[in-house]
Amino acid sequence: MDAPLPPIPPRLREAFADRPQRLERLQRALADASDFEAAISRLQDLLSAFIAEARDALEAAQAQADPAAVARAERDLQGLFVARSANGGLGDLDELWRHFHGESGAR
């Protein structure tokens, strides 16, 4: 029987509820994590990659001089900065901690 996958932190699930591709990428990143610290590192790395992608999208929108696309890209980028922060998307990691350590803290 396969072990359950590490859960995506709830604030990240909320932040990306309308972006299933990002949720899928987050789940894949967590799937290979061997422990809590590795899971956090993988999340941080992937969220940083999302930010880089959003910056590229913003630059492309600016180059096209499309005000609506620029506004969307700026909102996305701002949301990603919040998601990457310890007070935002990475602020509630209890489920993930329990996945690796259990209620007793042993694993």
N, C-alpha and C. Protein backbone atom coordinates (compact mmCIF):
# COMPACT_ATOMS: atom_id res chain seq x y z
N MET A 1 0.84 -1.18 0.00
CA MET A 1 0.00 0.00 0.00
C MET A 1 0.89 1.25 0.00
N ASP A 2 0.55 2.21 -0.82
CA ASP A 2 1.32 3.44 -0.91
C ASP A 2 1.03 4.33 0.29
N ALA A 3 2.08 4.98 0.77
CA ALA A 3 1.93 5.94 1.87
C ALA A 3 1.20 7.18 1.33
N PRO A 4 0.43 7.84 2.19
CA PRO A 4 -0.25 9.05 1.74
C PRO A 4 0.77 10.14 1.39
N LEU A 5 0.40 10.95 0.43
CA LEU A 5 1.27 12.06 0.04
C LEU A 5 1.27 13.14 1.11
N PRO A 6 2.37 13.84 1.25
CA PRO A 6 2.40 14.97 2.18
C PRO A 6 1.34 16.00 1.76
N PRO A 7 0.63 16.57 2.71
CA PRO A 7 -0.41 17.54 2.36
C PRO A 7 0.17 18.89 1.97
N ILE A 8 -0.47 19.52 1.02
CA ILE A 8 -0.13 20.90 0.69
C ILE A 8 -0.65 21.76 1.84
N PRO A 9 0.16 22.66 2.37
CA PRO A 9 -0.30 23.51 3.46
C PRO A 9 -1.60 24.24 3.09
N PRO A 10 -2.52 24.37 4.06
CA PRO A 10 -3.85 24.92 3.75
C PRO A 10 -3.83 26.32 3.15
N ARG A 11 -2.94 27.17 3.58
CA ARG A 11 -2.90 28.52 3.01
C ARG A 11 -2.46 28.50 1.55
N LEU A 12 -1.62 27.57 1.20
CA LEU A 12 -1.23 27.43 -0.20
C LEU A 12 -2.37 26.83 -1.02
N ARG A 13 -3.09 25.87 -0.44
CA ARG A 13 -4.27 25.32 -1.13
C ARG A 13 -5.26 26.44 -1.43
N GLU A 14 -5.48 27.31 -0.45
CA GLU A 14 -6.39 28.45 -0.65
C GLU A 14 -5.85 29.40 -1.71
N ALA A 15 -4.59 29.75 -1.59
CA ALA A 15 -3.99 30.73 -2.51
C ALA A 15 -4.06 30.26 -3.96
N PHE A 16 -3.96 28.96 -4.17
CA PHE A 16 -3.91 28.43 -5.54
C PHE A 16 -5.16 27.62 -5.89
N ALA A 17 -6.24 27.86 -5.20
CA ALA A 17 -7.48 27.13 -5.46
C ALA A 17 -7.92 27.26 -6.92
N ASP A 18 -7.64 28.41 -7.51
CA ASP A 18 -8.02 28.64 -8.91
C ASP A 18 -6.87 28.36 -9.88
N ARG A 19 -5.81 27.76 -9.38
CA ARG A 19 -4.65 27.43 -10.21
C ARG A 19 -4.26 25.97 -10.00
N PRO A 20 -5.06 25.05 -10.52
CA PRO A 20 -4.79 23.61 -10.28
C PRO A 20 -3.42 23.16 -10.76
N GLN A 21 -2.87 23.83 -11.79
CA GLN A 21 -1.54 23.45 -12.27
C GLN A 21 -0.49 23.69 -11.18
N ARG A 22 -0.63 24.80 -10.48
CA ARG A 22 0.32 25.09 -9.40
C ARG A 22 0.15 24.11 -8.25
N LEU A 23 -1.08 23.79 -7.92
CA LEU A 23 -1.32 22.81 -6.85
C LEU A 23 -0.70 21.47 -7.22
N GLU A 24 -0.85 21.07 -8.46
CA GLU A 24 -0.27 19.80 -8.91
C GLU A 24 1.26 19.83 -8.80
N ARG A 25 1.86 20.93 -9.19
CA ARG A 25 3.32 21.05 -9.09
C ARG A 25 3.77 21.04 -7.63
N LEU A 26 3.00 21.69 -6.76
CA LEU A 26 3.34 21.66 -5.33
C LEU A 26 3.26 20.23 -4.80
N GLN A 27 2.20 19.50 -5.18
CA GLN A 27 2.05 18.13 -4.70
C GLN A 27 3.18 17.25 -5.19
N ARG A 28 3.57 17.42 -6.45
CA ARG A 28 4.70 16.64 -6.98
C ARG A 28 5.99 16.95 -6.24
N ALA A 29 6.20 18.23 -5.91
CA ALA A 29 7.41 18.62 -5.18
C ALA A 29 7.42 17.98 -3.80
N LEU A 30 6.28 17.93 -3.16
CA LEU A 30 6.20 17.35 -1.82
C LEU A 30 6.31 15.83 -1.84
N ALA A 31 5.89 15.22 -2.93
CA ALA A 31 5.84 13.75 -3.00
C ALA A 31 7.20 13.10 -2.77
N ASP A 32 8.26 13.77 -3.18
CA ASP A 32 9.60 13.19 -3.04
C ASP A 32 10.33 13.64 -1.79
N ALA A 33 9.69 14.45 -0.97
CA ALA A 33 10.35 14.94 0.24
C ALA A 33 10.52 13.80 1.24
N SER A 34 11.70 13.70 1.80
CA SER A 34 11.99 12.63 2.74
C SER A 34 11.68 13.00 4.19
N ASP A 35 11.62 14.31 4.46
CA ASP A 35 11.33 14.76 5.82
C ASP A 35 10.75 16.17 5.77
N PHE A 36 10.37 16.68 6.92
CA PHE A 36 9.73 17.99 7.01
C PHE A 36 10.61 19.09 6.44
N GLU A 37 11.87 19.09 6.78
CA GLU A 37 12.78 20.13 6.32
C GLU A 37 12.93 20.10 4.80
N ALA A 38 13.02 18.91 4.24
CA ALA A 38 13.11 18.79 2.78
C ALA A 38 11.81 19.28 2.13
N ALA A 39 10.69 18.99 2.75
CA ALA A 39 9.41 19.45 2.21
C ALA A 39 9.34 20.97 2.18
N ILE A 40 9.77 21.61 3.26
CA ILE A 40 9.76 23.07 3.31
C ILE A 40 10.70 23.64 2.24
N SER A 41 11.85 23.06 2.11
CA SER A 41 12.81 23.52 1.10
C SER A 41 12.23 23.39 -0.29
N ARG A 42 11.57 22.28 -0.56
CA ARG A 42 10.96 22.08 -1.88
C ARG A 42 9.86 23.10 -2.13
N LEU A 43 9.04 23.36 -1.12
CA LEU A 43 7.99 24.37 -1.27
C LEU A 43 8.59 25.74 -1.55
N GLN A 44 9.59 26.12 -0.78
CA GLN A 44 10.22 27.43 -0.98
C GLN A 44 10.82 27.55 -2.37
N ASP A 45 11.51 26.51 -2.81
CA ASP A 45 12.13 26.53 -4.14
C ASP A 45 11.08 26.66 -5.24
N LEU A 46 10.00 25.91 -5.12
CA LEU A 46 8.97 25.95 -6.14
C LEU A 46 8.23 27.29 -6.13
N LEU A 47 7.95 27.81 -4.95
CA LEU A 47 7.31 29.12 -4.88
C LEU A 47 8.21 30.20 -5.47
N SER A 48 9.50 30.08 -5.28
CA SER A 48 10.45 31.01 -5.91
C SER A 48 10.40 30.87 -7.43
N ALA A 49 10.27 29.65 -7.92
CA ALA A 49 10.15 29.43 -9.36
C ALA A 49 8.84 30.05 -9.89
N PHE A 50 7.76 29.91 -9.13
CA PHE A 50 6.49 30.55 -9.52
C PHE A 50 6.68 32.07 -9.63
N ILE A 51 7.41 32.65 -8.69
CA ILE A 51 7.66 34.10 -8.71
C ILE A 51 8.44 34.48 -9.96
N ALA A 52 9.45 33.70 -10.29
CA ALA A 52 10.24 33.98 -11.50
C ALA A 52 9.36 33.90 -12.74
N GLU A 53 8.49 32.90 -12.79
CA GLU A 53 7.56 32.77 -13.93
C GLU A 53 6.61 33.96 -13.99
N ALA A 54 6.13 34.40 -12.84
CA ALA A 54 5.21 35.54 -12.79
C ALA A 54 5.92 36.83 -13.22
N ARG A 55 7.17 36.97 -12.86
CA ARG A 55 7.94 38.15 -13.31
C ARG A 55 8.07 38.14 -14.83
N ASP A 56 8.32 36.96 -15.39
CA ASP A 56 8.40 36.85 -16.85
C ASP A 56 7.07 37.22 -17.49
N ALA A 57 5.97 36.76 -16.90
CA ALA A 57 4.65 37.08 -17.44
C ALA A 57 4.38 38.59 -17.35
N LEU A 58 4.81 39.20 -16.27
CA LEU A 58 4.64 40.65 -16.12
C LEU A 58 5.45 41.39 -17.18
N GLU A 59 6.68 40.99 -17.39
CA GLU A 59 7.49 41.63 -18.42
C GLU A 59 6.87 41.47 -19.80
N ALA A 60 6.32 40.30 -20.08
CA ALA A 60 5.68 40.07 -21.38
C ALA A 60 4.45 40.97 -21.53
N ALA A 61 3.67 41.09 -20.47
CA ALA A 61 2.48 41.95 -20.52
C ALA A 61 2.87 43.41 -20.70
N GLN A 62 3.93 43.82 -20.03
CA GLN A 62 4.41 45.19 -20.18
C GLN A 62 4.91 45.44 -21.60
N ALA A 63 5.59 44.47 -22.18
CA ALA A 63 6.10 44.61 -23.54
C ALA A 63 4.97 44.72 -24.55
N GLN A 64 3.85 44.08 -24.25
CA GLN A 64 2.69 44.15 -25.15
C GLN A 64 1.84 45.38 -24.88
N ALA A 65 2.19 46.11 -23.84
CA ALA A 65 1.44 47.32 -23.46
C ALA A 65 -0.04 47.02 -23.29
N ASP A 66 -0.31 45.91 -22.59
CA ASP A 66 -1.69 45.49 -22.32
C ASP A 66 -2.00 45.77 -20.86
N PRO A 67 -2.70 46.88 -20.57
CA PRO A 67 -2.93 47.26 -19.18
C PRO A 67 -3.67 46.20 -18.36
N ALA A 68 -4.61 45.51 -18.95
CA ALA A 68 -5.35 44.47 -18.21
C ALA A 68 -4.42 43.30 -17.87
N ALA A 69 -3.60 42.90 -18.82
CA ALA A 69 -2.66 41.80 -18.57
C ALA A 69 -1.61 42.21 -17.55
N VAL A 70 -1.17 43.46 -17.60
CA VAL A 70 -0.20 43.95 -16.62
C VAL A 70 -0.81 43.91 -15.23
N ALA A 71 -2.04 44.36 -15.10
CA ALA A 71 -2.70 44.36 -13.79
C ALA A 71 -2.85 42.94 -13.26
N ARG A 72 -3.24 42.00 -14.11
CA ARG A 72 -3.37 40.59 -13.69
C ARG A 72 -2.02 40.04 -13.24
N ALA A 73 -1.00 40.32 -14.03
CA ALA A 73 0.34 39.81 -13.71
C ALA A 73 0.86 40.41 -12.41
N GLU A 74 0.59 41.69 -12.18
CA GLU A 74 1.02 42.33 -10.93
C GLU A 74 0.29 41.71 -9.73
N ARG A 75 -1.01 41.44 -9.87
CA ARG A 75 -1.77 40.80 -8.77
C ARG A 75 -1.22 39.40 -8.50
N ASP A 76 -0.94 38.66 -9.57
CA ASP A 76 -0.40 37.32 -9.41
C ASP A 76 0.94 37.36 -8.70
N LEU A 77 1.80 38.26 -9.11
CA LEU A 77 3.12 38.38 -8.50
C LEU A 77 3.00 38.74 -7.02
N GLN A 78 2.15 39.70 -6.71
CA GLN A 78 1.97 40.09 -5.31
C GLN A 78 1.44 38.91 -4.48
N GLY A 79 0.48 38.17 -5.03
CA GLY A 79 -0.04 36.99 -4.33
C GLY A 79 1.02 35.94 -4.10
N LEU A 80 1.92 35.79 -5.05
CA LEU A 80 3.00 34.82 -4.90
C LEU A 80 3.99 35.23 -3.81
N PHE A 81 4.26 36.53 -3.70
CA PHE A 81 5.13 36.98 -2.61
C PHE A 81 4.49 36.66 -1.26
N VAL A 82 3.19 36.84 -1.15
CA VAL A 82 2.49 36.50 0.09
C VAL A 82 2.55 34.99 0.32
N ALA A 83 2.31 34.22 -0.72
CA ALA A 83 2.34 32.76 -0.60
C ALA A 83 3.72 32.26 -0.16
N ARG A 84 4.77 32.92 -0.60
CA ARG A 84 6.14 32.49 -0.28
C ARG A 84 6.57 32.92 1.13
N SER A 85 5.82 33.84 1.74
CA SER A 85 6.23 34.37 3.04
C SER A 85 5.86 33.43 4.19
N ALA A 86 6.59 33.59 5.28
CA ALA A 86 6.34 32.79 6.48
C ALA A 86 5.02 33.18 7.14
N ASN A 87 4.55 34.38 6.88
CA ASN A 87 3.27 34.82 7.45
C ASN A 87 2.12 34.57 6.49
N GLY A 88 2.42 34.13 5.29
CA GLY A 88 1.40 33.88 4.29
C GLY A 88 1.21 32.39 4.08
N GLY A 89 1.52 31.95 2.87
CA GLY A 89 1.30 30.56 2.50
C GLY A 89 2.10 29.55 3.28
N LEU A 90 3.24 29.98 3.80
CA LEU A 90 4.07 29.06 4.59
C LEU A 90 3.89 29.29 6.08
N GLY A 91 2.77 29.90 6.45
CA GLY A 91 2.54 30.23 7.85
C GLY A 91 1.82 29.17 8.65
N ASP A 92 1.21 28.20 8.00
CA ASP A 92 0.47 27.15 8.71
C ASP A 92 0.94 25.81 8.19
N LEU A 93 1.91 25.25 8.87
CA LEU A 93 2.54 24.01 8.41
C LEU A 93 2.27 22.83 9.34
N ASP A 94 1.26 22.98 10.20
CA ASP A 94 0.97 21.93 11.18
C ASP A 94 0.65 20.59 10.52
N GLU A 95 -0.20 20.59 9.50
CA GLU A 95 -0.55 19.34 8.82
C GLU A 95 0.69 18.66 8.24
N LEU A 96 1.53 19.47 7.63
CA LEU A 96 2.74 18.93 7.02
C LEU A 96 3.68 18.37 8.10
N TRP A 97 3.80 19.08 9.20
CA TRP A 97 4.62 18.61 10.32
C TRP A 97 4.09 17.26 10.81
N ARG A 98 2.78 17.18 11.02
CA ARG A 98 2.19 15.93 11.51
C ARG A 98 2.38 14.79 10.52
N HIS A 99 2.37 15.10 9.24
CA HIS A 99 2.58 14.05 8.24
C HIS A 99 3.94 13.38 8.45
N PHE A 100 4.95 14.18 8.69
CA PHE A 100 6.29 13.63 8.84
C PHE A 100 6.62 13.18 10.26
N HIS A 101 6.00 13.81 11.26
CA HIS A 101 6.36 13.52 12.64
C HIS A 101 5.25 12.85 13.43
N GLY A 102 4.05 12.87 12.93
CA GLY A 102 2.94 12.31 13.69
C GLY A 102 2.66 13.12 14.92
N GLU A 103 1.60 12.82 15.59
CA GLU A 103 1.21 13.55 16.81
C GLU A 103 2.25 13.42 17.89
N SER A 104 2.93 12.27 17.94
CA SER A 104 3.92 12.05 19.00
C SER A 104 5.28 12.66 18.69
N GLY A 105 5.46 13.08 17.43
CA GLY A 105 6.74 13.64 17.06
C GLY A 105 7.75 12.59 16.61
N ALA A 106 7.34 11.35 16.55
CA ALA A 106 8.27 10.27 16.15
C ALA A 106 7.99 9.83 14.72
N ARG A 107 9.08 9.57 13.99
CA ARG A 107 8.98 8.98 12.67
C ARG A 107 10.31 8.43 12.27
